[in-house]
Amino acid sequence: MSQDIINKAKNIFIVNIREPEENTFEFIMVIGKVLPAGKFGKNNGSELAQIIYDERCEQYKIYFDTYVAYSVVNESYENIKGKFEGEKIRIYSESNFLKYVESDTLATEEYPKKFKHYCFISLNHIINVASEEKPKITKIANYS
């Protein structure tokens, strides 16, 4: 259910990217809000709106108990290619990130076991995670 809400949201931010314990990985996905047009200025005569997030926005913790590899990419440089399902949270069956992990690590379908490429799309970051376990997605009260 949380995954569906995130996939349908338009303005997602990723914050607090970290490894809370050795070889675990987590971050927060925040659904931003749009301030009224005109508050941010004008561009070619059109009023601009600003997209922000704060403690009142809906927030979800994404947590991986384990992972093979992950990458954090500035969204301006994203170039993921492959077959996937989902929108803001994508699960790739084929991708250039999976090919990278398979060629640059010792990970295989036998060890640790079959893993998938989970991709998280936001306005500021793209996070790629190769993991044999699904992420735990939990709605939280606020980010800190």
N, C-alpha and C. Protein backbone atom coordinates (compact mmCIF):
# COMPACT_ATOMS: atom_id res chain seq x y z
N MET A 1 0.81 -1.19 0.00
CA MET A 1 0.00 0.00 0.00
C MET A 1 0.86 1.26 0.00
N SER A 2 1.87 1.33 0.87
CA SER A 2 2.78 2.48 0.89
C SER A 2 3.47 2.65 -0.46
N GLN A 3 3.85 1.52 -1.06
CA GLN A 3 4.51 1.56 -2.36
C GLN A 3 3.58 2.19 -3.41
N ASP A 4 2.29 1.87 -3.36
CA ASP A 4 1.33 2.44 -4.30
C ASP A 4 1.21 3.95 -4.12
N ILE A 5 1.17 4.41 -2.87
CA ILE A 5 1.08 5.85 -2.60
C ILE A 5 2.30 6.57 -3.15
N ILE A 6 3.48 6.03 -2.91
CA ILE A 6 4.71 6.65 -3.40
C ILE A 6 4.73 6.64 -4.93
N ASN A 7 4.36 5.54 -5.54
CA ASN A 7 4.37 5.45 -7.00
C ASN A 7 3.44 6.46 -7.66
N LYS A 8 2.35 6.82 -7.01
CA LYS A 8 1.39 7.77 -7.58
C LYS A 8 1.75 9.23 -7.28
N ALA A 9 2.63 9.48 -6.33
CA ALA A 9 2.99 10.85 -5.95
C ALA A 9 3.80 11.52 -7.04
N LYS A 10 3.66 12.83 -7.15
CA LYS A 10 4.38 13.58 -8.19
C LYS A 10 5.70 14.15 -7.69
N ASN A 11 5.74 14.66 -6.48
CA ASN A 11 6.88 15.43 -6.00
C ASN A 11 7.56 14.73 -4.84
N ILE A 12 8.46 13.82 -5.15
CA ILE A 12 9.15 13.01 -4.14
C ILE A 12 10.56 13.56 -3.92
N PHE A 13 10.95 13.62 -2.65
CA PHE A 13 12.32 13.95 -2.28
C PHE A 13 12.89 12.77 -1.51
N ILE A 14 14.21 12.58 -1.62
CA ILE A 14 14.90 11.57 -0.82
C ILE A 14 15.84 12.31 0.12
N VAL A 15 15.74 11.98 1.41
CA VAL A 15 16.57 12.61 2.44
C VAL A 15 17.14 11.55 3.37
N ASN A 16 18.13 11.94 4.16
CA ASN A 16 18.70 11.09 5.22
C ASN A 16 19.16 9.73 4.71
N ILE A 17 19.98 9.73 3.70
CA ILE A 17 20.54 8.49 3.15
C ILE A 17 21.64 8.02 4.09
N ARG A 18 21.55 6.77 4.56
CA ARG A 18 22.57 6.31 5.52
C ARG A 18 22.57 4.80 5.68
N GLU A 19 23.62 4.33 6.33
CA GLU A 19 23.72 2.94 6.76
C GLU A 19 23.62 2.94 8.28
N PRO A 20 22.45 2.65 8.83
CA PRO A 20 22.30 2.71 10.29
C PRO A 20 23.11 1.65 11.03
N GLU A 21 23.31 0.52 10.41
CA GLU A 21 24.17 -0.54 10.94
C GLU A 21 24.98 -1.08 9.78
N GLU A 22 26.03 -1.80 10.08
CA GLU A 22 26.90 -2.33 9.03
C GLU A 22 26.09 -3.17 8.04
N ASN A 23 26.25 -2.84 6.75
CA ASN A 23 25.62 -3.56 5.63
C ASN A 23 24.09 -3.53 5.65
N THR A 24 23.52 -2.50 6.26
CA THR A 24 22.10 -2.20 6.12
C THR A 24 22.03 -0.84 5.44
N PHE A 25 20.89 -0.51 4.88
CA PHE A 25 20.77 0.74 4.13
C PHE A 25 19.37 1.29 4.28
N GLU A 26 19.29 2.61 4.51
CA GLU A 26 17.97 3.22 4.63
C GLU A 26 18.00 4.67 4.15
N PHE A 27 16.82 5.15 3.83
CA PHE A 27 16.63 6.55 3.47
C PHE A 27 15.15 6.87 3.62
N ILE A 28 14.84 8.15 3.54
CA ILE A 28 13.47 8.61 3.69
C ILE A 28 12.99 9.18 2.36
N MET A 29 11.80 8.77 1.95
CA MET A 29 11.13 9.36 0.78
C MET A 29 10.03 10.26 1.32
N VAL A 30 10.07 11.54 0.93
CA VAL A 30 9.11 12.54 1.40
C VAL A 30 8.28 13.01 0.22
N ILE A 31 6.97 13.04 0.38
CA ILE A 31 6.10 13.56 -0.66
C ILE A 31 5.99 15.06 -0.44
N GLY A 32 6.60 15.82 -1.36
CA GLY A 32 6.64 17.27 -1.24
C GLY A 32 5.30 17.92 -1.55
N LYS A 33 5.25 19.20 -1.28
CA LYS A 33 4.04 19.97 -1.58
C LYS A 33 4.42 21.17 -2.43
N VAL A 34 3.45 21.64 -3.20
CA VAL A 34 3.67 22.77 -4.10
C VAL A 34 3.12 24.02 -3.44
N LEU A 35 3.99 25.04 -3.30
CA LEU A 35 3.53 26.32 -2.79
C LEU A 35 2.78 27.05 -3.90
N PRO A 36 1.89 27.94 -3.55
CA PRO A 36 1.13 28.66 -4.58
C PRO A 36 2.03 29.38 -5.57
N ALA A 37 1.60 29.41 -6.83
CA ALA A 37 2.36 30.10 -7.88
C ALA A 37 2.55 31.55 -7.49
N GLY A 38 3.68 32.11 -7.89
CA GLY A 38 3.98 33.50 -7.61
C GLY A 38 4.87 33.69 -6.40
N LYS A 39 4.88 32.72 -5.49
CA LYS A 39 5.72 32.83 -4.29
C LYS A 39 7.20 32.68 -4.62
N PHE A 40 7.49 32.07 -5.77
CA PHE A 40 8.88 31.75 -6.12
C PHE A 40 9.45 32.68 -7.18
N GLY A 41 8.63 33.51 -7.78
CA GLY A 41 9.13 34.43 -8.80
C GLY A 41 8.49 34.18 -10.14
N LYS A 42 9.12 34.73 -11.19
CA LYS A 42 8.58 34.61 -12.54
C LYS A 42 9.68 34.17 -13.50
N ASN A 43 9.25 33.50 -14.58
CA ASN A 43 10.15 33.09 -15.65
C ASN A 43 9.42 33.34 -16.96
N ASN A 44 9.97 34.24 -17.78
CA ASN A 44 9.32 34.61 -19.05
C ASN A 44 7.86 35.02 -18.87
N GLY A 45 7.58 35.74 -17.79
CA GLY A 45 6.25 36.24 -17.54
C GLY A 45 5.32 35.26 -16.83
N SER A 46 5.71 34.00 -16.70
CA SER A 46 4.89 33.01 -16.01
C SER A 46 5.31 32.91 -14.55
N GLU A 47 4.31 32.83 -13.67
CA GLU A 47 4.62 32.67 -12.26
C GLU A 47 5.11 31.26 -11.99
N LEU A 48 6.14 31.15 -11.16
CA LEU A 48 6.71 29.85 -10.83
C LEU A 48 6.22 29.39 -9.46
N ALA A 49 5.99 28.12 -9.34
CA ALA A 49 5.66 27.53 -8.05
C ALA A 49 6.92 26.87 -7.50
N GLN A 50 6.97 26.72 -6.20
CA GLN A 50 8.10 26.05 -5.56
C GLN A 50 7.61 24.77 -4.91
N ILE A 51 8.39 23.71 -5.05
CA ILE A 51 8.08 22.42 -4.44
C ILE A 51 8.98 22.28 -3.23
N ILE A 52 8.39 22.05 -2.08
CA ILE A 52 9.15 21.95 -0.84
C ILE A 52 8.71 20.72 -0.06
N TYR A 53 9.44 20.42 1.03
CA TYR A 53 9.01 19.41 1.98
C TYR A 53 9.34 19.93 3.37
N ASP A 54 8.55 19.51 4.33
CA ASP A 54 8.79 19.84 5.73
C ASP A 54 8.24 18.71 6.59
N GLU A 55 8.24 18.92 7.91
CA GLU A 55 7.84 17.85 8.83
C GLU A 55 6.36 17.47 8.72
N ARG A 56 5.55 18.28 8.04
CA ARG A 56 4.14 17.97 7.89
C ARG A 56 3.85 17.10 6.66
N CYS A 57 4.83 16.91 5.81
CA CYS A 57 4.64 16.11 4.59
C CYS A 57 4.64 14.62 4.92
N GLU A 58 3.97 13.85 4.08
CA GLU A 58 3.95 12.40 4.22
C GLU A 58 5.36 11.86 3.98
N GLN A 59 5.80 10.95 4.86
CA GLN A 59 7.17 10.45 4.80
C GLN A 59 7.21 8.94 4.99
N TYR A 60 8.13 8.31 4.25
CA TYR A 60 8.27 6.85 4.29
C TYR A 60 9.73 6.47 4.44
N LYS A 61 9.98 5.58 5.39
CA LYS A 61 11.34 5.05 5.55
C LYS A 61 11.47 3.81 4.68
N ILE A 62 12.53 3.79 3.86
CA ILE A 62 12.86 2.63 3.03
C ILE A 62 14.08 1.99 3.68
N TYR A 63 13.96 0.72 4.03
CA TYR A 63 15.03 0.04 4.78
C TYR A 63 15.34 -1.31 4.14
N PHE A 64 16.63 -1.56 3.94
CA PHE A 64 17.12 -2.85 3.45
C PHE A 64 17.93 -3.50 4.57
N ASP A 65 17.53 -4.72 4.95
CA ASP A 65 18.28 -5.49 5.95
C ASP A 65 19.66 -5.86 5.43
N THR A 66 19.76 -6.02 4.12
CA THR A 66 21.01 -6.40 3.49
C THR A 66 20.98 -5.93 2.04
N TYR A 67 22.15 -5.82 1.45
CA TYR A 67 22.24 -5.42 0.04
C TYR A 67 23.52 -5.97 -0.55
N VAL A 68 23.56 -6.06 -1.87
CA VAL A 68 24.78 -6.42 -2.58
C VAL A 68 25.55 -5.14 -2.92
N ALA A 69 24.81 -4.15 -3.45
CA ALA A 69 25.41 -2.87 -3.82
C ALA A 69 24.31 -1.82 -3.88
N TYR A 70 24.72 -0.56 -3.71
CA TYR A 70 23.78 0.53 -3.95
C TYR A 70 24.54 1.70 -4.53
N SER A 71 23.80 2.57 -5.20
CA SER A 71 24.39 3.80 -5.71
C SER A 71 23.39 4.94 -5.51
N VAL A 72 23.94 6.12 -5.30
CA VAL A 72 23.14 7.34 -5.18
C VAL A 72 23.59 8.24 -6.32
N VAL A 73 22.64 8.65 -7.16
CA VAL A 73 22.96 9.44 -8.35
C VAL A 73 22.18 10.74 -8.31
N ASN A 74 22.84 11.84 -8.63
CA ASN A 74 22.15 13.11 -8.84
C ASN A 74 21.17 12.89 -9.98
N GLU A 75 19.90 13.22 -9.79
CA GLU A 75 18.88 12.89 -10.80
C GLU A 75 19.17 13.51 -12.16
N SER A 76 19.97 14.56 -12.20
CA SER A 76 20.31 15.20 -13.48
C SER A 76 21.16 14.29 -14.37
N TYR A 77 21.79 13.26 -13.78
CA TYR A 77 22.71 12.40 -14.52
C TYR A 77 22.18 10.97 -14.68
N GLU A 78 20.93 10.74 -14.36
CA GLU A 78 20.34 9.40 -14.43
C GLU A 78 20.34 8.90 -15.87
N ASN A 79 20.72 7.63 -16.04
CA ASN A 79 20.74 7.01 -17.36
C ASN A 79 20.46 5.51 -17.26
N ILE A 80 19.45 5.15 -16.48
CA ILE A 80 19.13 3.74 -16.27
C ILE A 80 18.33 3.23 -17.46
N LYS A 81 18.76 2.11 -17.97
CA LYS A 81 18.05 1.47 -19.08
C LYS A 81 17.68 0.06 -18.66
N GLY A 82 16.52 -0.42 -19.12
CA GLY A 82 16.13 -1.78 -18.82
C GLY A 82 14.63 -1.95 -18.76
N LYS A 83 14.23 -3.13 -18.29
CA LYS A 83 12.81 -3.48 -18.17
C LYS A 83 12.43 -3.39 -16.69
N PHE A 84 11.35 -2.67 -16.42
CA PHE A 84 10.96 -2.48 -15.03
C PHE A 84 9.45 -2.41 -14.87
N GLU A 85 9.03 -2.55 -13.61
CA GLU A 85 7.64 -2.32 -13.18
C GLU A 85 7.69 -1.24 -12.12
N GLY A 86 6.65 -0.40 -12.08
CA GLY A 86 6.57 0.65 -11.08
C GLY A 86 6.88 2.01 -11.66
N GLU A 87 6.71 3.02 -10.85
CA GLU A 87 6.94 4.40 -11.29
C GLU A 87 8.06 5.04 -10.47
N LYS A 88 7.76 5.48 -9.26
CA LYS A 88 8.78 6.08 -8.38
C LYS A 88 9.61 5.01 -7.68
N ILE A 89 8.99 3.86 -7.44
CA ILE A 89 9.71 2.69 -6.94
C ILE A 89 9.64 1.67 -8.05
N ARG A 90 10.80 1.41 -8.64
CA ARG A 90 10.85 0.49 -9.78
C ARG A 90 11.57 -0.79 -9.38
N ILE A 91 11.12 -1.88 -9.95
CA ILE A 91 11.81 -3.16 -9.80
C ILE A 91 12.20 -3.58 -11.21
N TYR A 92 13.51 -3.63 -11.44
CA TYR A 92 14.04 -3.97 -12.76
C TYR A 92 14.30 -5.47 -12.86
N SER A 93 13.85 -6.06 -13.96
CA SER A 93 14.21 -7.45 -14.27
C SER A 93 15.50 -7.47 -15.09
N GLU A 94 15.75 -6.41 -15.84
CA GLU A 94 17.00 -6.22 -16.60
C GLU A 94 17.37 -4.75 -16.49
N SER A 95 18.67 -4.48 -16.28
CA SER A 95 19.11 -3.08 -16.23
C SER A 95 20.62 -3.00 -16.38
N ASN A 96 21.08 -1.82 -16.75
CA ASN A 96 22.52 -1.61 -16.81
C ASN A 96 23.13 -1.64 -15.41
N PHE A 97 22.38 -1.30 -14.36
CA PHE A 97 22.90 -1.40 -13.00
C PHE A 97 23.11 -2.86 -12.61
N LEU A 98 22.16 -3.74 -12.97
CA LEU A 98 22.34 -5.17 -12.69
C LEU A 98 23.57 -5.71 -13.42
N LYS A 99 23.76 -5.29 -14.67
CA LYS A 99 24.95 -5.73 -15.42
C LYS A 99 26.22 -5.26 -14.74
N TYR A 100 26.21 -4.02 -14.24
CA TYR A 100 27.37 -3.50 -13.51
C TYR A 100 27.66 -4.35 -12.27
N VAL A 101 26.62 -4.63 -11.47
CA VAL A 101 26.81 -5.42 -10.25
C VAL A 101 27.32 -6.82 -10.59
N GLU A 102 26.76 -7.43 -11.61
CA GLU A 102 27.19 -8.78 -12.00
C GLU A 102 28.63 -8.79 -12.51
N SER A 103 29.07 -7.72 -13.17
CA SER A 103 30.43 -7.71 -13.71
C SER A 103 31.48 -7.23 -12.70
N ASP A 104 31.09 -6.39 -11.75
CA ASP A 104 32.07 -5.81 -10.83
C ASP A 104 32.03 -6.35 -9.41
N THR A 105 31.20 -7.35 -9.14
CA THR A 105 31.18 -7.98 -7.83
C THR A 105 31.22 -9.49 -7.99
N LEU A 106 31.31 -10.18 -6.88
CA LEU A 106 31.28 -11.65 -6.88
C LEU A 106 29.86 -12.18 -6.76
N ALA A 107 28.88 -11.30 -6.67
CA ALA A 107 27.49 -11.72 -6.46
C ALA A 107 26.95 -12.45 -7.68
N THR A 108 26.24 -13.55 -7.42
CA THR A 108 25.60 -14.33 -8.47
C THR A 108 24.23 -14.79 -7.96
N GLU A 109 23.50 -15.48 -8.81
CA GLU A 109 22.21 -16.03 -8.38
C GLU A 109 22.39 -17.10 -7.30
N GLU A 110 23.57 -17.72 -7.26
CA GLU A 110 23.84 -18.74 -6.24
C GLU A 110 24.36 -18.11 -4.95
N TYR A 111 25.13 -17.05 -5.07
CA TYR A 111 25.68 -16.38 -3.88
C TYR A 111 25.56 -14.88 -4.04
N PRO A 112 24.86 -14.17 -3.20
CA PRO A 112 24.22 -14.70 -2.00
C PRO A 112 22.96 -15.49 -2.34
N LYS A 113 22.23 -15.07 -3.33
CA LYS A 113 21.14 -15.78 -3.99
C LYS A 113 20.59 -14.79 -5.01
N LYS A 114 19.56 -15.16 -5.73
CA LYS A 114 19.04 -14.27 -6.77
C LYS A 114 18.70 -12.90 -6.16
N PHE A 115 19.18 -11.85 -6.80
CA PHE A 115 18.89 -10.51 -6.32
C PHE A 115 18.22 -9.69 -7.41
N LYS A 116 17.57 -8.62 -6.98
CA LYS A 116 16.86 -7.74 -7.90
C LYS A 116 17.42 -6.33 -7.80
N HIS A 117 17.07 -5.54 -8.80
CA HIS A 117 17.44 -4.12 -8.83
C HIS A 117 16.21 -3.31 -8.43
N TYR A 118 16.30 -2.66 -7.27
CA TYR A 118 15.26 -1.75 -6.81
C TYR A 118 15.76 -0.34 -7.07
N CYS A 119 14.91 0.47 -7.70
CA CYS A 119 15.29 1.84 -8.05
C CYS A 119 14.26 2.80 -7.48
N PHE A 120 14.73 3.87 -6.88
CA PHE A 120 13.87 4.86 -6.24
C PHE A 120 14.11 6.21 -6.91
N ILE A 121 13.06 6.77 -7.47
CA ILE A 121 13.15 7.99 -8.28
C ILE A 121 12.63 9.17 -7.46
N SER A 122 13.40 10.25 -7.41
CA SER A 122 12.93 11.46 -6.74
C SER A 122 13.35 12.68 -7.54
N LEU A 123 12.96 13.84 -7.05
CA LEU A 123 13.31 15.09 -7.72
C LEU A 123 14.79 15.45 -7.58
N ASN A 124 15.48 14.85 -6.60
CA ASN A 124 16.87 15.21 -6.36
C ASN A 124 17.85 14.06 -6.46
N HIS A 125 17.40 12.83 -6.27
CA HIS A 125 18.29 11.67 -6.30
C HIS A 125 17.63 10.49 -7.00
N ILE A 126 18.47 9.61 -7.50
CA ILE A 126 18.06 8.29 -7.95
C ILE A 126 18.87 7.31 -7.10
N ILE A 127 18.19 6.40 -6.43
CA ILE A 127 18.90 5.40 -5.63
C ILE A 127 18.66 4.04 -6.25
N ASN A 128 19.75 3.34 -6.52
CA ASN A 128 19.71 1.98 -7.06
C ASN A 128 20.21 1.04 -5.98
N VAL A 129 19.48 -0.04 -5.76
CA VAL A 129 19.89 -1.03 -4.76
C VAL A 129 19.76 -2.42 -5.38
N ALA A 130 20.83 -3.19 -5.32
CA ALA A 130 20.78 -4.61 -5.69
C ALA A 130 20.68 -5.38 -4.38
N SER A 131 19.59 -6.11 -4.22
CA SER A 131 19.36 -6.83 -2.97
C SER A 131 18.57 -8.09 -3.24
N GLU A 132 18.83 -9.11 -2.43
CA GLU A 132 18.04 -10.34 -2.53
C GLU A 132 16.77 -10.23 -1.69
N GLU A 133 16.67 -9.21 -0.87
CA GLU A 133 15.50 -8.99 -0.02
C GLU A 133 14.74 -7.75 -0.48
N LYS A 134 13.42 -7.79 -0.36
CA LYS A 134 12.60 -6.62 -0.65
C LYS A 134 12.85 -5.56 0.43
N PRO A 135 12.69 -4.28 0.08
CA PRO A 135 12.82 -3.26 1.12
C PRO A 135 11.62 -3.27 2.04
N LYS A 136 11.84 -2.83 3.26
CA LYS A 136 10.73 -2.61 4.20
C LYS A 136 10.35 -1.14 4.04
N ILE A 137 9.08 -0.88 3.78
CA ILE A 137 8.61 0.49 3.59
C ILE A 137 7.63 0.80 4.71
N THR A 138 7.96 1.82 5.51
CA THR A 138 7.17 2.16 6.67
C THR A 138 6.83 3.64 6.65
N LYS A 139 5.56 3.96 6.82
CA LYS A 139 5.17 5.37 6.96
C LYS A 139 5.65 5.85 8.32
N ILE A 140 6.26 7.05 8.34
CA ILE A 140 6.78 7.58 9.60
C ILE A 140 6.19 8.97 9.85
N ALA A 141 6.34 9.42 11.07
CA ALA A 141 5.76 10.71 11.47
C ALA A 141 6.57 11.88 10.94
N ASN A 142 7.88 11.80 11.01
CA ASN A 142 8.71 12.89 10.49
C ASN A 142 10.12 12.40 10.25
N TYR A 143 10.88 13.20 9.54
CA TYR A 143 12.28 12.86 9.28
C TYR A 143 13.13 13.64 10.29
N SER A 144 14.21 13.03 10.72
CA SER A 144 15.11 13.73 11.65
C SER A 144 16.45 13.04 11.65
